[in-house]
Structures are given as C-alpha cells and as structure tokens.
Protein backbone atom coordinates (compact mmCIF):
# COMPACT_ATOMS: atom_id res chain seq x y z
CA MET A 1 64.66 70.27 49.14
CA ARG A 2 67.52 68.03 50.18
CA LYS A 3 68.64 70.31 53.03
CA GLU A 4 65.05 70.82 54.11
CA GLY A 5 64.41 67.08 54.23
CA GLU A 6 67.64 66.45 56.13
CA ALA A 7 66.77 69.20 58.61
CA LEU A 8 63.32 67.69 59.18
CA ILE A 9 64.84 64.27 59.84
CA ALA A 10 67.42 65.75 62.24
CA ALA A 11 64.73 67.77 64.08
CA SER A 12 62.40 64.78 64.38
CA GLY A 13 64.65 63.00 66.85
CA LEU A 14 64.84 59.92 64.64
CA SER A 15 68.11 58.05 64.26
CA ALA A 16 69.19 58.05 60.64
CA THR A 17 72.11 57.74 58.27
CA ILE A 18 71.84 60.16 55.37
CA LEU A 19 73.91 59.20 52.33
CA ARG A 20 74.99 62.07 50.10
CA PRO A 21 76.30 60.72 46.80
CA TRP A 22 76.74 63.20 43.99
CA TYR A 23 76.33 60.69 41.17
CA VAL A 24 75.98 56.89 41.25
CA LEU A 25 77.57 54.97 38.38
CA GLY A 26 75.74 51.86 37.26
CA PRO A 27 73.75 50.28 34.46
CA GLY A 28 72.49 53.02 32.17
CA HIS A 29 74.62 55.58 34.00
CA ARG A 30 78.04 54.98 32.55
CA TRP A 31 78.75 58.16 30.58
CA PRO A 32 80.47 59.85 33.58
CA TYR A 33 83.22 57.19 33.49
CA ALA A 34 84.76 59.44 30.85
CA LEU A 35 85.16 62.09 33.57
CA LEU A 36 87.16 59.85 35.94
CA PRO A 37 90.61 60.99 34.68
CA ILE A 38 89.55 64.62 35.19
CA TYR A 39 88.38 63.84 38.73
CA LYS A 40 91.65 62.07 39.55
CA PHE A 41 93.65 65.04 38.27
CA MET A 42 91.50 67.48 40.26
CA GLU A 43 92.03 65.38 43.41
CA ILE A 44 95.79 65.94 43.04
CA LEU A 45 95.55 69.73 42.86
CA PRO A 46 95.31 71.27 46.34
CA TRP A 47 92.88 74.03 45.30
CA THR A 48 90.40 71.61 43.68
CA ARG A 49 90.87 68.53 45.89
CA GLU A 50 88.04 69.22 48.34
CA SER A 51 85.47 69.85 45.60
CA ALA A 52 86.61 66.87 43.54
CA LEU A 53 86.26 64.58 46.56
CA ARG A 54 82.93 66.08 47.65
CA LEU A 55 81.48 65.82 44.14
CA GLY A 56 83.12 62.51 43.26
CA LEU A 57 81.47 59.61 41.53
CA VAL A 58 80.52 56.42 43.41
CA SER A 59 79.72 53.04 41.95
CA ILE A 60 76.45 51.27 42.55
CA HIS A 61 78.45 48.62 44.46
CA GLN A 62 79.87 51.28 46.78
CA MET A 63 76.40 52.70 47.31
CA VAL A 64 74.96 49.29 48.19
CA ALA A 65 77.87 48.65 50.58
CA ALA A 66 77.18 52.01 52.27
CA LEU A 67 73.49 51.16 52.63
CA VAL A 68 74.36 47.78 54.16
CA ALA A 69 76.89 49.42 56.52
CA ALA A 70 74.27 51.96 57.60
CA VAL A 71 71.81 49.18 58.45
CA GLU A 72 74.38 46.95 60.17
CA ASP A 73 75.89 49.82 62.19
CA PRO A 74 73.00 52.06 63.27
CA VAL A 75 73.65 55.33 65.08
CA ASP A 76 71.94 57.18 67.85
CA GLY A 77 71.13 60.51 66.22
CA VAL A 78 71.87 61.54 62.65
CA ARG A 79 74.96 60.59 60.65
CA PHE A 80 75.84 62.11 57.28
CA ALA A 81 77.92 60.10 54.83
CA GLY A 82 79.40 61.89 51.84
CA VAL A 83 81.28 60.53 48.86
CA ARG A 84 84.39 59.66 50.90
CA GLU A 85 82.41 57.68 53.46
CA ILE A 86 80.36 55.94 50.77
CA ARG A 87 83.55 54.90 48.96
CA ASP A 88 85.05 53.62 52.22
CA ALA A 89 81.94 51.70 53.28
CA GLY A 90 83.04 48.55 51.48
CA THR A 91 86.21 48.36 53.55
CA ALA A 92 85.27 49.98 56.85
CA LYS A 93 82.32 50.93 59.00
CA LEU A 94 80.73 54.33 58.55
CA THR A 95 81.89 56.79 61.18
CA ALA A 96 79.54 58.84 63.30
C-alpha cells in the first residue's frame, strides 16, 4: 500500500515530501529503546550498515523537525526522506 500510495502521489504531478520512518519513538512507544545498542553495533558492521540505517529508529522530535523542514523547504516534484534524512532534519535542510 505504501509504494502504491507513493506512486500515485508521484504520478499526480503534485509536489510532495514523503517521509519514510521505520519506527517513531515517543510516548507509549519506548520499548524499542532497548534495541538501540544492537542498532549501533549493526551500523558499525559493513554488511549490516545499510539495513541498520534504513530501518533505524527516529525520535518523535526528529520526526517533527523533518515535518517542519518539509513545510519550510518545499520542493518542485517529489522528495523522499528516509531515516537518515529524518534524523538530519533537525540540523540541516532536507535534500532533494
């Protein structure tokens, strides 16, 4: 459904930023904090780094910062922001 929805948005000609978090940590969603050491370890290993970064956890604050960045810096076309871009949104603009 996610890919289908993204494809429909892209085909519509609308300008959009599509955020792709894997899991958002926040109130009531704290159990995955126990997984953070495993994620950090997997980010170190070359053969698991890409997956660990793609499926990383983002905080609710990072997600809100990414939403604000998407609104403040609109694009012409469609921009996809994964975990890395969401994490970076608090310190830098989203890239096209």
